[in-house]
């Protein structure tokens, strides 16, 4: 039969299951702390000593919400840095495509989408960074704009049909890798924001 501390740690792990790394690190630290507190209780060893240690530590949902919020701050920073890297690589790729490749017979719509979508990404990114840094919507709009710009750039340059130079192909590959990484980070951030909101609501 599990003890009071084991039950508390298991509940904390369930509440943080959206971030396995955080859950593993936090529950390990919390369990060590609770066991030290219980062992210093005059009633040790007993379930009453464990219960008092858990009560002094606080509700598991409150602890989970606090640490989840800290984890979100780190995730937000990583996501914005990934966005910045993607914007830089996309800009370099756009310049290389203009230098090395021409638009050929492609419709004028592709260059228009390429440029306008990129400008929208810059605008939304700057506003989001200064005013809505934790906004999932701002990051998602930037992701959609970058995807549209990159896709239009590939079509505009007829990238895979013309045998583009190596620098152009390398930057195009970098764009695709970074878009994939950015998508992964934004989806992960969305899940964390949702679960943290639930934890905070229940913990009140």
N, C-alpha and C. Protein backbone atom coordinates (compact mmCIF):
# COMPACT_ATOMS: atom_id res chain seq x y z
N UNK A 1 0.85 -1.20 0.00
CA UNK A 1 0.00 0.00 0.00
C UNK A 1 0.89 1.25 0.00
N UNK A 2 0.60 2.18 -0.89
CA UNK A 2 1.42 3.38 -1.01
C UNK A 2 1.23 4.28 0.20
N UNK A 3 2.30 4.96 0.60
CA UNK A 3 2.23 5.88 1.71
C UNK A 3 1.71 7.24 1.28
N UNK A 4 1.61 8.14 2.25
CA UNK A 4 1.08 9.48 1.98
C UNK A 4 1.98 10.23 1.01
N UNK A 5 3.29 10.14 1.23
CA UNK A 5 4.23 10.84 0.35
C UNK A 5 4.18 10.28 -1.07
N UNK A 6 4.12 8.95 -1.18
CA UNK A 6 4.04 8.33 -2.50
C UNK A 6 2.79 8.79 -3.25
N UNK A 7 1.66 8.87 -2.54
CA UNK A 7 0.41 9.33 -3.16
C UNK A 7 0.53 10.78 -3.63
N UNK A 8 1.15 11.60 -2.79
CA UNK A 8 1.31 13.02 -3.13
C UNK A 8 2.20 13.18 -4.36
N UNK A 9 3.31 12.47 -4.39
CA UNK A 9 4.24 12.55 -5.51
C UNK A 9 3.59 12.03 -6.79
N UNK A 10 2.80 10.96 -6.68
CA UNK A 10 2.11 10.41 -7.85
C UNK A 10 1.10 11.41 -8.40
N UNK A 11 0.39 12.11 -7.51
CA UNK A 11 -0.58 13.12 -7.95
C UNK A 11 0.13 14.28 -8.65
N UNK A 12 1.27 14.68 -8.10
CA UNK A 12 2.04 15.77 -8.71
C UNK A 12 2.54 15.36 -10.09
N UNK A 13 2.98 14.11 -10.22
CA UNK A 13 3.47 13.62 -11.51
C UNK A 13 2.33 13.61 -12.54
N UNK A 14 1.14 13.21 -12.15
CA UNK A 14 0.00 13.20 -13.07
C UNK A 14 -0.34 14.61 -13.53
N UNK A 15 -0.28 15.56 -12.62
CA UNK A 15 -0.64 16.94 -12.97
C UNK A 15 0.37 17.59 -13.89
N UNK A 16 1.59 17.06 -13.92
CA UNK A 16 2.64 17.60 -14.78
C UNK A 16 2.98 16.66 -15.94
N UNK A 17 2.07 15.75 -16.26
CA UNK A 17 2.40 14.74 -17.28
C UNK A 17 2.56 15.33 -18.69
N UNK A 18 2.14 16.60 -18.89
CA UNK A 18 2.33 17.25 -20.18
C UNK A 18 3.79 17.67 -20.40
N UNK A 19 4.59 17.62 -19.34
CA UNK A 19 6.02 17.96 -19.43
C UNK A 19 6.80 16.91 -18.65
N UNK A 20 7.09 15.76 -19.28
CA UNK A 20 7.74 14.65 -18.56
C UNK A 20 9.06 15.02 -17.91
N UNK A 21 9.85 15.87 -18.56
CA UNK A 21 11.14 16.27 -17.98
C UNK A 21 10.94 17.05 -16.69
N UNK A 22 10.03 18.02 -16.72
CA UNK A 22 9.72 18.79 -15.53
C UNK A 22 9.14 17.90 -14.44
N UNK A 23 8.23 17.00 -14.83
CA UNK A 23 7.60 16.11 -13.86
C UNK A 23 8.63 15.24 -13.15
N UNK A 24 9.57 14.68 -13.90
CA UNK A 24 10.59 13.82 -13.31
C UNK A 24 11.49 14.60 -12.35
N UNK A 25 11.94 15.77 -12.79
CA UNK A 25 12.85 16.56 -11.96
C UNK A 25 12.15 17.06 -10.70
N UNK A 26 10.95 17.60 -10.86
CA UNK A 26 10.25 18.18 -9.73
C UNK A 26 9.82 17.13 -8.72
N UNK A 27 9.25 16.03 -9.20
CA UNK A 27 8.79 15.02 -8.25
C UNK A 27 9.94 14.40 -7.48
N UNK A 28 11.08 14.27 -8.12
CA UNK A 28 12.25 13.74 -7.41
C UNK A 28 12.68 14.68 -6.30
N UNK A 29 12.72 15.99 -6.60
CA UNK A 29 13.12 16.97 -5.60
C UNK A 29 12.09 17.06 -4.47
N UNK A 30 10.81 17.04 -4.83
CA UNK A 30 9.75 17.14 -3.83
C UNK A 30 9.75 15.91 -2.92
N UNK A 31 9.92 14.74 -3.51
CA UNK A 31 9.93 13.52 -2.68
C UNK A 31 11.09 13.55 -1.69
N UNK A 32 12.26 13.97 -2.11
CA UNK A 32 13.40 14.06 -1.19
C UNK A 32 13.12 15.04 -0.06
N UNK A 33 12.53 16.18 -0.42
CA UNK A 33 12.23 17.20 0.59
C UNK A 33 11.20 16.68 1.59
N UNK A 34 10.15 16.03 1.09
CA UNK A 34 9.10 15.54 1.98
C UNK A 34 9.61 14.44 2.90
N UNK A 35 10.45 13.59 2.38
CA UNK A 35 11.00 12.52 3.22
C UNK A 35 11.90 13.09 4.31
N UNK A 36 12.70 14.10 3.95
CA UNK A 36 13.54 14.74 4.98
C UNK A 36 12.67 15.38 6.05
N UNK A 37 11.58 16.04 5.63
CA UNK A 37 10.68 16.69 6.58
C UNK A 37 9.98 15.67 7.47
N UNK A 38 9.54 14.57 6.87
CA UNK A 38 8.85 13.54 7.65
C UNK A 38 9.78 12.88 8.65
N UNK A 39 11.02 12.63 8.23
CA UNK A 39 11.98 11.96 9.12
C UNK A 39 12.40 12.83 10.29
N UNK A 40 12.24 14.16 10.14
CA UNK A 40 12.57 15.05 11.25
C UNK A 40 11.40 15.23 12.21
N UNK A 41 10.25 14.66 11.88
CA UNK A 41 9.07 14.73 12.74
C UNK A 41 9.23 13.76 13.90
N UNK A 42 8.83 14.17 15.13
CA UNK A 42 8.95 13.27 16.29
C UNK A 42 8.17 11.96 16.14
N UNK A 43 7.11 11.99 15.31
CA UNK A 43 6.28 10.79 15.16
C UNK A 43 6.83 9.81 14.13
N UNK A 44 7.95 10.15 13.50
CA UNK A 44 8.52 9.25 12.49
C UNK A 44 9.04 7.97 13.13
N UNK A 45 8.88 6.81 12.50
CA UNK A 45 8.18 6.59 11.22
C UNK A 45 6.71 6.32 11.41
N UNK A 46 5.89 7.08 10.72
CA UNK A 46 4.44 6.88 10.77
C UNK A 46 3.80 7.65 9.62
N UNK A 47 2.59 7.25 9.29
CA UNK A 47 1.86 7.96 8.22
C UNK A 47 1.49 9.36 8.68
N UNK A 48 1.34 9.55 9.99
CA UNK A 48 1.02 10.87 10.51
C UNK A 48 2.17 11.86 10.26
N UNK A 49 3.39 11.39 10.40
CA UNK A 49 4.55 12.24 10.12
C UNK A 49 4.58 12.62 8.64
N UNK A 50 4.29 11.67 7.78
CA UNK A 50 4.24 11.96 6.36
C UNK A 50 3.12 12.95 6.04
N UNK A 51 1.98 12.76 6.69
CA UNK A 51 0.82 13.62 6.43
C UNK A 51 1.13 15.06 6.83
N UNK A 52 1.78 15.23 7.98
CA UNK A 52 2.12 16.59 8.40
C UNK A 52 3.12 17.23 7.45
N UNK A 53 4.08 16.46 6.96
CA UNK A 53 5.06 16.99 6.01
C UNK A 53 4.37 17.46 4.73
N UNK A 54 3.42 16.67 4.26
CA UNK A 54 2.68 17.02 3.04
C UNK A 54 1.82 18.26 3.28
N UNK A 55 1.17 18.35 4.42
CA UNK A 55 0.32 19.50 4.71
C UNK A 55 1.13 20.79 4.78
N UNK A 56 2.32 20.71 5.37
CA UNK A 56 3.17 21.91 5.45
C UNK A 56 3.66 22.33 4.07
N UNK A 57 3.84 21.37 3.18
CA UNK A 57 4.39 21.67 1.86
C UNK A 57 3.37 22.37 0.97
N UNK A 58 2.11 22.00 1.09
CA UNK A 58 1.07 22.65 0.29
C UNK A 58 0.38 21.68 -0.66
N UNK A 59 -0.72 22.14 -1.26
CA UNK A 59 -1.48 21.31 -2.18
C UNK A 59 -0.67 21.02 -3.44
N UNK A 60 -0.79 19.80 -3.94
CA UNK A 60 -0.01 19.40 -5.11
C UNK A 60 -0.36 20.24 -6.34
N UNK A 61 -1.63 20.60 -6.49
CA UNK A 61 -2.03 21.38 -7.66
C UNK A 61 -1.43 22.79 -7.62
N UNK A 62 -1.32 23.38 -6.43
CA UNK A 62 -0.71 24.69 -6.33
C UNK A 62 0.77 24.63 -6.68
N UNK A 63 1.44 23.60 -6.19
CA UNK A 63 2.86 23.43 -6.51
C UNK A 63 3.04 23.19 -8.01
N UNK A 64 2.19 22.34 -8.57
CA UNK A 64 2.28 22.03 -10.00
C UNK A 64 2.03 23.28 -10.84
N UNK A 65 1.05 24.09 -10.46
CA UNK A 65 0.74 25.30 -11.22
C UNK A 65 1.91 26.28 -11.17
N UNK A 66 2.54 26.42 -10.02
CA UNK A 66 3.66 27.34 -9.87
C UNK A 66 4.83 26.93 -10.76
N UNK A 67 5.19 25.66 -10.70
CA UNK A 67 6.34 25.21 -11.49
C UNK A 67 6.01 25.13 -12.98
N UNK A 68 4.75 24.84 -13.31
CA UNK A 68 4.35 24.82 -14.71
C UNK A 68 4.45 26.22 -15.31
N UNK A 69 4.10 27.24 -14.53
CA UNK A 69 4.22 28.62 -15.00
C UNK A 69 5.67 28.98 -15.27
N UNK A 70 6.57 28.54 -14.39
CA UNK A 70 8.01 28.79 -14.62
C UNK A 70 8.49 28.09 -15.88
N UNK A 71 8.01 26.87 -16.10
CA UNK A 71 8.39 26.11 -17.29
C UNK A 71 7.87 26.80 -18.56
N UNK A 72 6.69 27.39 -18.47
CA UNK A 72 6.13 28.10 -19.62
C UNK A 72 7.00 29.29 -19.99
N UNK A 73 7.50 30.01 -18.99
CA UNK A 73 8.38 31.15 -19.28
C UNK A 73 9.60 30.70 -20.08
N UNK A 74 10.17 29.57 -19.70
CA UNK A 74 11.33 29.05 -20.44
C UNK A 74 10.93 28.62 -21.85
N UNK A 75 9.76 27.99 -21.96
CA UNK A 75 9.28 27.54 -23.27
C UNK A 75 8.99 28.74 -24.19
N UNK A 76 8.44 29.80 -23.62
CA UNK A 76 8.16 31.01 -24.39
C UNK A 76 9.45 31.59 -24.95
N UNK A 77 10.48 31.67 -24.12
CA UNK A 77 11.76 32.21 -24.59
C UNK A 77 12.34 31.35 -25.72
N UNK A 78 12.29 30.03 -25.54
CA UNK A 78 12.81 29.14 -26.58
C UNK A 78 12.02 29.28 -27.88
N UNK A 79 10.72 29.44 -27.76
CA UNK A 79 9.87 29.54 -28.96
C UNK A 79 10.15 30.84 -29.72
N UNK A 80 10.28 31.95 -28.99
CA UNK A 80 10.57 33.22 -29.66
C UNK A 80 11.96 33.21 -30.28
N UNK A 81 12.93 32.57 -29.63
CA UNK A 81 14.27 32.47 -30.22
C UNK A 81 14.23 31.63 -31.50
N UNK A 82 13.43 30.56 -31.49
CA UNK A 82 13.28 29.74 -32.69
C UNK A 82 12.61 30.54 -33.80
N UNK A 83 11.62 31.35 -33.43
CA UNK A 83 10.96 32.21 -34.41
C UNK A 83 11.97 33.20 -35.01
N UNK A 84 12.79 33.80 -34.16
CA UNK A 84 13.78 34.75 -34.65
C UNK A 84 14.76 34.07 -35.62
N UNK A 85 15.23 32.89 -35.25
CA UNK A 85 16.15 32.15 -36.13
C UNK A 85 15.48 31.83 -37.46
N UNK A 86 14.22 31.46 -37.42
CA UNK A 86 13.49 31.13 -38.65
C UNK A 86 13.33 32.36 -39.54
N UNK A 87 13.03 33.49 -38.92
CA UNK A 87 12.88 34.74 -39.68
C UNK A 87 14.20 35.11 -40.35
N UNK A 88 15.30 35.00 -39.62
CA UNK A 88 16.62 35.36 -40.18
C UNK A 88 16.98 34.46 -41.35
N UNK A 89 16.82 33.14 -41.16
CA UNK A 89 17.16 32.20 -42.23
C UNK A 89 16.24 32.41 -43.43
N UNK A 90 14.96 32.67 -43.17
CA UNK A 90 14.02 32.92 -44.28
C UNK A 90 14.40 34.17 -45.05
N UNK A 91 14.81 35.21 -44.35
CA UNK A 91 15.21 36.44 -45.03
C UNK A 91 16.45 36.19 -45.90
N UNK A 92 17.43 35.48 -45.35
CA UNK A 92 18.63 35.16 -46.13
C UNK A 92 18.26 34.32 -47.35
N UNK A 93 17.38 33.34 -47.16
CA UNK A 93 16.96 32.49 -48.27
C UNK A 93 16.24 33.29 -49.35
N UNK A 94 15.41 34.24 -48.91
CA UNK A 94 14.70 35.10 -49.88
C UNK A 94 15.69 35.89 -50.72
N UNK A 95 16.71 36.45 -50.06
CA UNK A 95 17.70 37.24 -50.79
C UNK A 95 18.48 36.36 -51.77
N UNK A 96 18.84 35.17 -51.34
CA UNK A 96 19.58 34.26 -52.22
C UNK A 96 18.74 33.85 -53.43
N UNK A 97 17.46 33.61 -53.19
CA UNK A 97 16.60 33.23 -54.31
C UNK A 97 16.48 34.36 -55.33
N UNK A 98 16.42 35.59 -54.83
CA UNK A 98 16.34 36.74 -55.73
C UNK A 98 17.62 36.89 -56.53
N UNK A 99 18.77 36.65 -55.86
CA UNK A 99 20.07 36.82 -56.53
C UNK A 99 20.32 35.72 -57.56
N UNK A 100 20.07 34.48 -57.15
CA UNK A 100 20.46 33.34 -57.99
C UNK A 100 19.38 32.87 -58.96
N UNK A 101 18.13 33.13 -58.63
CA UNK A 101 17.05 32.58 -59.45
C UNK A 101 16.11 33.69 -59.88
N UNK A 102 15.47 33.51 -61.00
CA UNK A 102 14.46 34.47 -61.42
C UNK A 102 13.08 33.85 -61.28
N UNK A 103 12.09 34.70 -61.42
CA UNK A 103 10.71 34.23 -61.21
C UNK A 103 10.18 33.43 -62.38
N UNK A 104 10.89 33.47 -63.51
CA UNK A 104 10.47 32.68 -64.67
C UNK A 104 9.06 33.02 -65.08
N UNK A 105 8.31 31.97 -65.36
CA UNK A 105 6.94 32.17 -65.83
C UNK A 105 5.92 32.08 -64.71
N UNK A 106 6.41 32.05 -63.49
CA UNK A 106 5.50 31.91 -62.35
C UNK A 106 4.61 33.14 -62.23
N UNK A 107 3.38 32.94 -61.83
CA UNK A 107 2.44 34.03 -61.65
C UNK A 107 3.00 35.06 -60.67
N UNK A 108 2.60 36.31 -60.88
CA UNK A 108 3.04 37.40 -60.00
C UNK A 108 2.49 37.22 -58.59
N UNK A 109 1.54 36.32 -58.41
CA UNK A 109 0.95 36.12 -57.10
C UNK A 109 1.97 35.55 -56.10
N UNK A 110 2.86 34.67 -56.55
CA UNK A 110 3.83 34.05 -55.65
C UNK A 110 4.78 35.07 -55.03
N UNK A 111 5.40 35.97 -55.84
CA UNK A 111 6.26 36.99 -55.22
C UNK A 111 5.51 37.89 -54.25
N UNK A 112 4.25 38.19 -54.58
CA UNK A 112 3.44 39.05 -53.71
C UNK A 112 3.20 38.37 -52.37
N UNK A 113 2.82 37.09 -52.40
CA UNK A 113 2.61 36.34 -51.16
C UNK A 113 3.90 36.24 -50.37
N UNK A 114 4.99 35.96 -51.08
CA UNK A 114 6.30 35.82 -50.45
C UNK A 114 6.65 37.06 -49.64
N UNK A 115 6.54 38.21 -50.26
CA UNK A 115 6.93 39.46 -49.59
C UNK A 115 5.92 39.87 -48.52
N UNK A 116 4.63 39.86 -48.88
CA UNK A 116 3.61 40.35 -47.94
C UNK A 116 3.52 39.48 -46.69
N UNK A 117 3.58 38.17 -46.86
CA UNK A 117 3.50 37.28 -45.70
C UNK A 117 4.68 37.51 -44.78
N UNK A 118 5.86 37.72 -45.35
CA UNK A 118 7.04 37.96 -44.53
C UNK A 118 6.92 39.28 -43.76
N UNK A 119 6.40 40.31 -44.42
CA UNK A 119 6.19 41.60 -43.75
C UNK A 119 5.20 41.47 -42.60
N UNK A 120 4.13 40.70 -42.82
CA UNK A 120 3.14 40.46 -41.77
C UNK A 120 3.78 39.75 -40.58
N UNK A 121 4.63 38.78 -40.87
CA UNK A 121 5.32 38.06 -39.79
C UNK A 121 6.16 39.02 -38.96
N UNK A 122 6.90 39.89 -39.61
CA UNK A 122 7.73 40.87 -38.89
C UNK A 122 6.86 41.76 -38.01
N UNK A 123 5.76 42.26 -38.58
CA UNK A 123 4.88 43.16 -37.82
C UNK A 123 4.26 42.45 -36.62
N UNK A 124 3.69 41.28 -36.86
CA UNK A 124 3.06 40.53 -35.77
C UNK A 124 4.10 40.12 -34.72
N UNK A 125 5.29 39.72 -35.20
CA UNK A 125 6.33 39.31 -34.27
C UNK A 125 6.78 40.44 -33.37
N UNK A 126 6.98 41.63 -33.92
CA UNK A 126 7.42 42.78 -33.11
C UNK A 126 6.34 43.15 -32.09
N UNK A 127 5.09 43.26 -32.56
CA UNK A 127 3.98 43.59 -31.65
C UNK A 127 3.83 42.52 -30.57
N UNK A 128 3.89 41.24 -31.00
CA UNK A 128 3.73 40.14 -30.05
C UNK A 128 4.82 40.12 -29.00
N UNK A 129 6.08 40.38 -29.42
CA UNK A 129 7.19 40.34 -28.48
C UNK A 129 7.05 41.41 -27.39
N UNK A 130 6.64 42.60 -27.78
CA UNK A 130 6.56 43.69 -26.82
C UNK A 130 5.25 43.73 -26.03
N UNK A 131 4.18 43.17 -26.60
CA UNK A 131 2.87 43.31 -25.94
C UNK A 131 2.19 41.99 -25.57
N UNK A 132 2.44 40.94 -26.34
CA UNK A 132 1.72 39.68 -26.12
C UNK A 132 2.69 38.51 -26.17
N UNK A 133 3.74 38.57 -25.35
CA UNK A 133 4.83 37.60 -25.47
C UNK A 133 4.36 36.18 -25.21
N UNK A 134 3.37 36.02 -24.36
CA UNK A 134 2.86 34.68 -24.05
C UNK A 134 1.71 34.27 -24.95
N UNK A 135 1.42 35.05 -25.96
CA UNK A 135 0.25 34.80 -26.81
C UNK A 135 0.51 33.64 -27.78
N UNK A 136 -0.28 32.61 -27.64
CA UNK A 136 -0.21 31.50 -28.59
C UNK A 136 -0.65 31.96 -29.97
N UNK A 137 -1.65 32.85 -30.02
CA UNK A 137 -2.19 33.31 -31.30
C UNK A 137 -1.13 34.07 -32.10
N UNK A 138 -0.37 34.95 -31.44
CA UNK A 138 0.66 35.72 -32.14
C UNK A 138 1.71 34.79 -32.75
N UNK A 139 2.13 33.81 -31.98
CA UNK A 139 3.13 32.86 -32.49
C UNK A 139 2.56 32.01 -33.62
N UNK A 140 1.30 31.60 -33.48
CA UNK A 140 0.67 30.79 -34.53
C UNK A 140 0.52 31.60 -35.82
N UNK A 141 0.19 32.89 -35.71
CA UNK A 141 0.08 33.74 -36.90
C UNK A 141 1.45 33.89 -37.58
N UNK A 142 2.48 34.03 -36.76
CA UNK A 142 3.84 34.13 -37.34
C UNK A 142 4.21 32.83 -38.05
N UNK A 143 3.87 31.71 -37.45
CA UNK A 143 4.15 30.42 -38.07
C UNK A 143 3.43 30.30 -39.41
N UNK A 144 2.14 30.66 -39.44
CA UNK A 144 1.36 30.58 -40.67
C UNK A 144 1.94 31.51 -41.74
N UNK A 145 2.33 32.71 -41.32
CA UNK A 145 2.91 33.66 -42.27
C UNK A 145 4.23 33.18 -42.84
N UNK A 146 5.07 32.62 -41.99
CA UNK A 146 6.35 32.09 -42.47
C UNK A 146 6.14 30.91 -43.42
N UNK A 147 5.22 30.04 -43.07
CA UNK A 147 4.94 28.89 -43.94
C UNK A 147 4.46 29.37 -45.31
N UNK A 148 3.59 30.40 -45.32
CA UNK A 148 3.10 30.93 -46.59
C UNK A 148 4.23 31.58 -47.38
N UNK A 149 5.07 32.35 -46.69
CA UNK A 149 6.19 33.02 -47.36
C UNK A 149 7.17 32.01 -47.95
N UNK A 150 7.52 31.01 -47.15
CA UNK A 150 8.47 29.99 -47.61
C UNK A 150 7.90 29.19 -48.78
N UNK A 151 6.63 28.78 -48.65
CA UNK A 151 5.99 28.04 -49.74
C UNK A 151 5.93 28.84 -51.01
N UNK A 152 5.55 30.13 -50.90
CA UNK A 152 5.49 30.99 -52.08
C UNK A 152 6.88 31.21 -52.66
N UNK A 153 7.89 31.28 -51.79
CA UNK A 153 9.26 31.44 -52.26
C UNK A 153 9.73 30.25 -53.07
N UNK A 154 9.37 29.06 -52.61
CA UNK A 154 9.73 27.84 -53.36
C UNK A 154 9.07 27.83 -54.74
N UNK A 155 7.77 28.19 -54.75
CA UNK A 155 7.03 28.23 -56.02
C UNK A 155 7.59 29.33 -56.92
N UNK A 156 7.85 30.47 -56.33
CA UNK A 156 8.36 31.62 -57.08
C UNK A 156 9.66 31.29 -57.80
N UNK A 157 10.55 30.59 -57.11
CA UNK A 157 11.85 30.28 -57.69
C UNK A 157 11.85 28.98 -58.47
N UNK A 158 10.70 28.25 -58.45
CA UNK A 158 10.66 26.94 -59.09
C UNK A 158 11.86 26.11 -58.61
N UNK A 159 11.99 26.09 -57.29
CA UNK A 159 13.23 25.68 -56.64
C UNK A 159 13.70 24.30 -57.03
N UNK A 160 12.80 23.35 -57.11
CA UNK A 160 13.22 21.96 -57.30
C UNK A 160 13.31 21.56 -58.78
N UNK A 161 12.92 22.49 -59.66
CA UNK A 161 12.96 22.15 -61.09
C UNK A 161 14.16 22.75 -61.81
N UNK A 162 14.79 23.74 -61.22
CA UNK A 162 15.83 24.46 -61.93
C UNK A 162 17.25 24.07 -61.53
N UNK A 163 17.41 23.15 -60.60
CA UNK A 163 18.75 22.81 -60.17
C UNK A 163 19.44 23.98 -59.51
N UNK A 164 18.85 24.47 -58.44
CA UNK A 164 19.36 25.67 -57.76
C UNK A 164 20.75 25.44 -57.20
N UNK A 165 21.54 26.51 -57.04
CA UNK A 165 22.87 26.40 -56.44
C UNK A 165 22.79 25.87 -55.01
N UNK A 166 23.90 25.32 -54.54
CA UNK A 166 23.94 24.70 -53.22
C UNK A 166 23.56 25.66 -52.09
N UNK A 167 24.05 26.92 -52.07
CA UNK A 167 23.65 27.82 -50.97
C UNK A 167 22.13 28.02 -50.89
N UNK A 168 21.50 28.10 -52.06
CA UNK A 168 20.05 28.28 -52.09
C UNK A 168 19.34 27.05 -51.53
N UNK A 169 19.82 25.87 -51.93
CA UNK A 169 19.21 24.63 -51.43
C UNK A 169 19.44 24.46 -49.94
N UNK A 170 20.63 24.83 -49.47
CA UNK A 170 20.93 24.68 -48.04
C UNK A 170 20.05 25.59 -47.19
N UNK A 171 19.87 26.83 -47.63
CA UNK A 171 19.01 27.74 -46.86
C UNK A 171 17.55 27.28 -46.92
N UNK A 172 17.14 26.73 -48.06
CA UNK A 172 15.78 26.19 -48.16
C UNK A 172 15.59 25.03 -47.19
N UNK A 173 16.60 24.17 -47.10
CA UNK A 173 16.53 23.05 -46.14
C UNK A 173 16.49 23.59 -44.72
N UNK A 174 17.28 24.63 -44.45
CA UNK A 174 17.25 25.25 -43.12
C UNK A 174 15.89 25.81 -42.79
N UNK A 175 15.24 26.43 -43.77
CA UNK A 175 13.89 26.95 -43.56
C UNK A 175 12.92 25.85 -43.15
N UNK A 176 12.98 24.74 -43.86
CA UNK A 176 12.05 23.64 -43.58
C UNK A 176 12.30 23.03 -42.20
N UNK A 177 13.57 22.88 -41.84
CA UNK A 177 13.90 22.33 -40.52
C UNK A 177 13.40 23.26 -39.42
N UNK A 178 13.66 24.55 -39.59
CA UNK A 178 13.26 25.51 -38.56
C UNK A 178 11.74 25.65 -38.47
N UNK A 179 11.05 25.58 -39.60
CA UNK A 179 9.59 25.62 -39.57
C UNK A 179 9.05 24.42 -38.79
N UNK A 180 9.66 23.25 -39.01
CA UNK A 180 9.24 22.07 -38.26
C UNK A 180 9.50 22.23 -36.78
N UNK A 181 10.67 22.75 -36.41
CA UNK A 181 11.00 22.96 -35.00
C UNK A 181 10.08 24.01 -34.38
N UNK A 182 9.82 25.08 -35.11
CA UNK A 182 8.94 26.12 -34.61
C UNK A 182 7.52 25.58 -34.38
N UNK A 183 7.04 24.77 -35.31
CA UNK A 183 5.72 24.16 -35.16
C UNK A 183 5.67 23.30 -33.89
N UNK A 184 6.72 22.51 -33.69
CA UNK A 184 6.79 21.65 -32.51
C UNK A 184 6.76 22.48 -31.22
N UNK A 185 7.52 23.57 -31.20
CA UNK A 185 7.58 24.40 -29.99
C UNK A 185 6.24 25.11 -29.74
N UNK A 186 5.60 25.59 -30.80
CA UNK A 186 4.33 26.31 -30.61
C UNK A 186 3.23 25.37 -30.15
N UNK A 187 3.17 24.18 -30.73
CA UNK A 187 2.17 23.20 -30.29
C UNK A 187 2.41 22.82 -28.83
N UNK A 188 3.68 22.60 -28.48
CA UNK A 188 4.01 22.27 -27.10
C UNK A 188 3.64 23.40 -26.15
N UNK A 189 3.90 24.63 -26.55
CA UNK A 189 3.54 25.78 -25.71
C UNK A 189 2.04 25.86 -25.52
N UNK A 190 1.29 25.62 -26.60
CA UNK A 190 -0.17 25.65 -26.49
C UNK A 190 -0.69 24.64 -25.48
N UNK A 191 -0.13 23.43 -25.51
CA UNK A 191 -0.54 22.40 -24.55
C UNK A 191 -0.20 22.82 -23.12
N UNK A 192 0.98 23.38 -22.94
CA UNK A 192 1.39 23.80 -21.60
C UNK A 192 0.52 24.95 -21.07
N UNK A 193 0.21 25.91 -21.94
CA UNK A 193 -0.64 27.01 -21.53
C UNK A 193 -2.02 26.52 -21.11
N UNK A 194 -2.56 25.58 -21.87
CA UNK A 194 -3.89 25.05 -21.56
C UNK A 194 -3.89 24.30 -20.23
N UNK A 195 -2.91 23.43 -20.03
CA UNK A 195 -2.86 22.64 -18.81
C UNK A 195 -2.57 23.50 -17.59
N UNK A 196 -1.72 24.52 -17.76
CA UNK A 196 -1.42 25.40 -16.63
C UNK A 196 -2.65 26.21 -16.24
N UNK A 197 -3.44 26.64 -17.23
CA UNK A 197 -4.68 27.36 -16.94
C UNK A 197 -5.64 26.48 -16.14
N UNK A 198 -5.70 25.20 -16.49
CA UNK A 198 -6.56 24.27 -15.76
C UNK A 198 -6.07 24.11 -14.34
N UNK A 199 -4.75 23.95 -14.17
CA UNK A 199 -4.19 23.78 -12.83
C UNK A 199 -4.46 25.00 -11.96
N UNK A 200 -4.28 26.17 -12.53
CA UNK A 200 -4.51 27.39 -11.76
C UNK A 200 -5.98 27.52 -11.36
N UNK A 201 -6.88 27.16 -12.29
CA UNK A 201 -8.30 27.26 -11.99
C UNK A 201 -8.72 26.33 -10.89
N UNK A 202 -8.20 25.12 -10.89
CA UNK A 202 -8.56 24.13 -9.85
C UNK A 202 -7.90 24.48 -8.53
N UNK A 203 -6.69 25.05 -8.58
CA UNK A 203 -5.94 25.31 -7.36
C UNK A 203 -6.48 26.50 -6.59
N UNK A 204 -7.32 27.32 -7.21
CA UNK A 204 -7.84 28.50 -6.52
C UNK A 204 -8.86 28.11 -5.45
